[in-house]
N, C-alpha and C. Protein backbone atom coordinates (compact mmCIF):
# COMPACT_ATOMS: atom_id res chain seq x y z
N GLN A 1 49.70 -20.05 8.63
CA GLN A 1 50.09 -21.35 9.11
C GLN A 1 50.51 -22.25 7.94
N ILE A 2 49.80 -22.15 6.82
CA ILE A 2 50.16 -22.95 5.66
C ILE A 2 51.54 -22.53 5.15
N ALA A 3 51.79 -21.21 5.16
CA ALA A 3 53.09 -20.72 4.69
C ALA A 3 54.21 -21.30 5.55
N ARG A 4 53.97 -21.42 6.85
CA ARG A 4 54.98 -21.98 7.74
C ARG A 4 55.23 -23.44 7.40
N LEU A 5 54.15 -24.19 7.12
CA LEU A 5 54.31 -25.59 6.75
C LEU A 5 55.11 -25.73 5.47
N LEU A 6 54.83 -24.86 4.48
CA LEU A 6 55.57 -24.91 3.23
C LEU A 6 57.04 -24.58 3.45
N THR A 7 57.31 -23.62 4.35
CA THR A 7 58.69 -23.26 4.64
C THR A 7 59.43 -24.43 5.27
N VAL A 8 58.78 -25.10 6.21
CA VAL A 8 59.39 -26.26 6.87
C VAL A 8 59.66 -27.35 5.83
N LYS A 9 58.69 -27.54 4.94
CA LYS A 9 58.84 -28.55 3.88
C LYS A 9 60.03 -28.19 3.00
N ARG A 10 60.13 -26.93 2.62
CA ARG A 10 61.22 -26.49 1.74
C ARG A 10 62.57 -26.64 2.45
N GLU A 11 62.62 -26.30 3.73
CA GLU A 11 63.88 -26.45 4.48
C GLU A 11 64.31 -27.91 4.50
N ARG A 12 63.35 -28.82 4.68
CA ARG A 12 63.65 -30.24 4.69
C ARG A 12 64.18 -30.68 3.32
N GLU A 13 63.56 -30.15 2.25
CA GLU A 13 64.01 -30.49 0.90
C GLU A 13 65.42 -29.99 0.65
N ILE A 14 65.74 -28.79 1.14
CA ILE A 14 67.09 -28.25 0.97
C ILE A 14 68.10 -29.14 1.67
N GLU A 15 67.74 -29.61 2.88
CA GLU A 15 68.64 -30.50 3.62
C GLU A 15 68.87 -31.80 2.85
N GLU A 16 67.83 -32.28 2.16
CA GLU A 16 67.95 -33.53 1.40
C GLU A 16 68.58 -33.30 0.03
N GLY A 17 68.77 -32.04 -0.34
CA GLY A 17 69.40 -31.73 -1.63
C GLY A 17 68.44 -31.74 -2.80
N ILE A 18 67.16 -31.52 -2.53
CA ILE A 18 66.16 -31.49 -3.60
C ILE A 18 66.05 -30.06 -4.12
N GLY A 19 66.21 -29.90 -5.45
CA GLY A 19 66.12 -28.58 -6.06
C GLY A 19 64.68 -28.12 -6.20
N LYS A 20 64.51 -26.82 -6.53
CA LYS A 20 63.16 -26.27 -6.65
C LYS A 20 62.37 -26.95 -7.76
N ARG A 21 63.04 -27.20 -8.89
CA ARG A 21 62.34 -27.79 -10.02
C ARG A 21 61.86 -29.21 -9.69
N LEU A 22 62.75 -29.99 -9.08
CA LEU A 22 62.38 -31.35 -8.68
C LEU A 22 61.27 -31.30 -7.62
N SER A 23 61.33 -30.31 -6.75
CA SER A 23 60.31 -30.15 -5.72
C SER A 23 58.95 -29.95 -6.35
N ARG A 24 58.88 -29.09 -7.36
CA ARG A 24 57.60 -28.86 -8.05
C ARG A 24 57.12 -30.12 -8.74
N LYS A 25 58.07 -30.86 -9.33
CA LYS A 25 57.71 -32.11 -10.01
C LYS A 25 57.13 -33.11 -9.01
N LEU A 26 57.77 -33.23 -7.85
CA LEU A 26 57.28 -34.15 -6.82
C LEU A 26 55.91 -33.72 -6.31
N ASP A 27 55.71 -32.38 -6.18
CA ASP A 27 54.41 -31.88 -5.74
C ASP A 27 53.31 -32.28 -6.72
N LYS A 28 53.60 -32.15 -8.02
CA LYS A 28 52.60 -32.51 -9.03
C LYS A 28 52.28 -34.00 -8.96
N GLN A 29 53.30 -34.83 -8.79
CA GLN A 29 53.07 -36.27 -8.69
C GLN A 29 52.23 -36.58 -7.46
N TRP A 30 52.53 -35.90 -6.35
CA TRP A 30 51.80 -36.12 -5.11
C TRP A 30 50.33 -35.74 -5.28
N LYS A 31 50.07 -34.60 -5.95
CA LYS A 31 48.70 -34.15 -6.15
C LYS A 31 47.92 -35.11 -7.04
N LYS A 32 48.59 -35.72 -8.03
CA LYS A 32 47.92 -36.66 -8.92
C LYS A 32 47.53 -37.94 -8.18
N ASN A 33 48.25 -38.28 -7.12
CA ASN A 33 47.99 -39.52 -6.39
C ASN A 33 46.87 -39.39 -5.37
N ILE A 34 46.35 -38.18 -5.17
CA ILE A 34 45.27 -37.99 -4.21
C ILE A 34 43.98 -38.52 -4.81
N VAL A 35 43.31 -39.40 -4.09
CA VAL A 35 42.04 -39.96 -4.55
C VAL A 35 40.93 -39.29 -3.75
N VAL A 36 40.00 -38.66 -4.46
CA VAL A 36 38.90 -37.97 -3.80
C VAL A 36 37.86 -38.99 -3.36
N LYS A 37 37.52 -38.94 -2.10
CA LYS A 37 36.53 -39.87 -1.54
C LYS A 37 35.13 -39.34 -1.87
N PRO A 38 34.27 -40.16 -2.46
CA PRO A 38 32.92 -39.69 -2.78
C PRO A 38 32.10 -39.47 -1.50
N PRO A 39 31.10 -38.60 -1.58
CA PRO A 39 30.27 -38.35 -0.40
C PRO A 39 29.50 -39.61 0.01
N PRO A 40 29.10 -39.71 1.27
CA PRO A 40 28.43 -40.90 1.77
C PRO A 40 27.15 -41.24 1.00
N THR A 41 26.45 -40.21 0.52
CA THR A 41 25.20 -40.48 -0.22
C THR A 41 25.49 -41.25 -1.50
N VAL A 42 26.58 -40.92 -2.18
CA VAL A 42 26.94 -41.62 -3.41
C VAL A 42 27.33 -43.06 -3.09
N LEU A 43 28.06 -43.25 -2.01
CA LEU A 43 28.45 -44.61 -1.61
C LEU A 43 27.21 -45.46 -1.32
N ARG A 44 26.23 -44.86 -0.64
CA ARG A 44 25.01 -45.58 -0.31
C ARG A 44 24.25 -45.96 -1.59
N LEU A 45 24.19 -45.03 -2.55
CA LEU A 45 23.51 -45.33 -3.82
C LEU A 45 24.19 -46.47 -4.55
N ARG A 46 25.52 -46.46 -4.56
CA ARG A 46 26.27 -47.53 -5.23
C ARG A 46 25.98 -48.88 -4.58
N GLU A 47 25.94 -48.90 -3.25
CA GLU A 47 25.66 -50.15 -2.53
C GLU A 47 24.26 -50.65 -2.86
N GLU A 48 23.29 -49.72 -2.93
CA GLU A 48 21.92 -50.12 -3.25
C GLU A 48 21.83 -50.68 -4.66
N GLU A 49 22.54 -50.04 -5.61
CA GLU A 49 22.53 -50.52 -6.99
C GLU A 49 23.17 -51.91 -7.08
N ALA A 50 24.27 -52.10 -6.36
CA ALA A 50 24.95 -53.40 -6.37
C ALA A 50 24.04 -54.47 -5.76
N ALA A 51 23.33 -54.12 -4.70
CA ALA A 51 22.42 -55.07 -4.07
C ALA A 51 21.26 -55.41 -5.01
N ALA A 52 20.77 -54.42 -5.74
CA ALA A 52 19.67 -54.65 -6.68
C ALA A 52 20.12 -55.57 -7.81
N GLU A 53 21.32 -55.34 -8.31
CA GLU A 53 21.85 -56.20 -9.37
C GLU A 53 22.07 -57.62 -8.87
N ALA A 54 22.54 -57.75 -7.64
CA ALA A 54 22.77 -59.08 -7.07
C ALA A 54 21.43 -59.81 -6.89
N ALA A 55 20.39 -59.06 -6.55
CA ALA A 55 19.07 -59.66 -6.35
C ALA A 55 18.49 -60.13 -7.68
N GLU A 56 18.81 -59.41 -8.76
CA GLU A 56 18.30 -59.79 -10.08
C GLU A 56 18.94 -61.07 -10.58
N ASP A 57 20.20 -61.27 -10.26
CA ASP A 57 20.94 -62.46 -10.74
C ASP A 57 20.58 -63.66 -9.97
């Protein structure tokens, strides 16, 4: 199924006139822009630390 998605993506790029090299470059830029969301436990710890600091001030 992933291969099919990549094929559809490549067909769309060919229609737009995007070459293979530019396609790889755009893929790298896209991957760099992905922000990994931290797990909920880490978010909860950060909130608790922020609340503790606010209570100290």
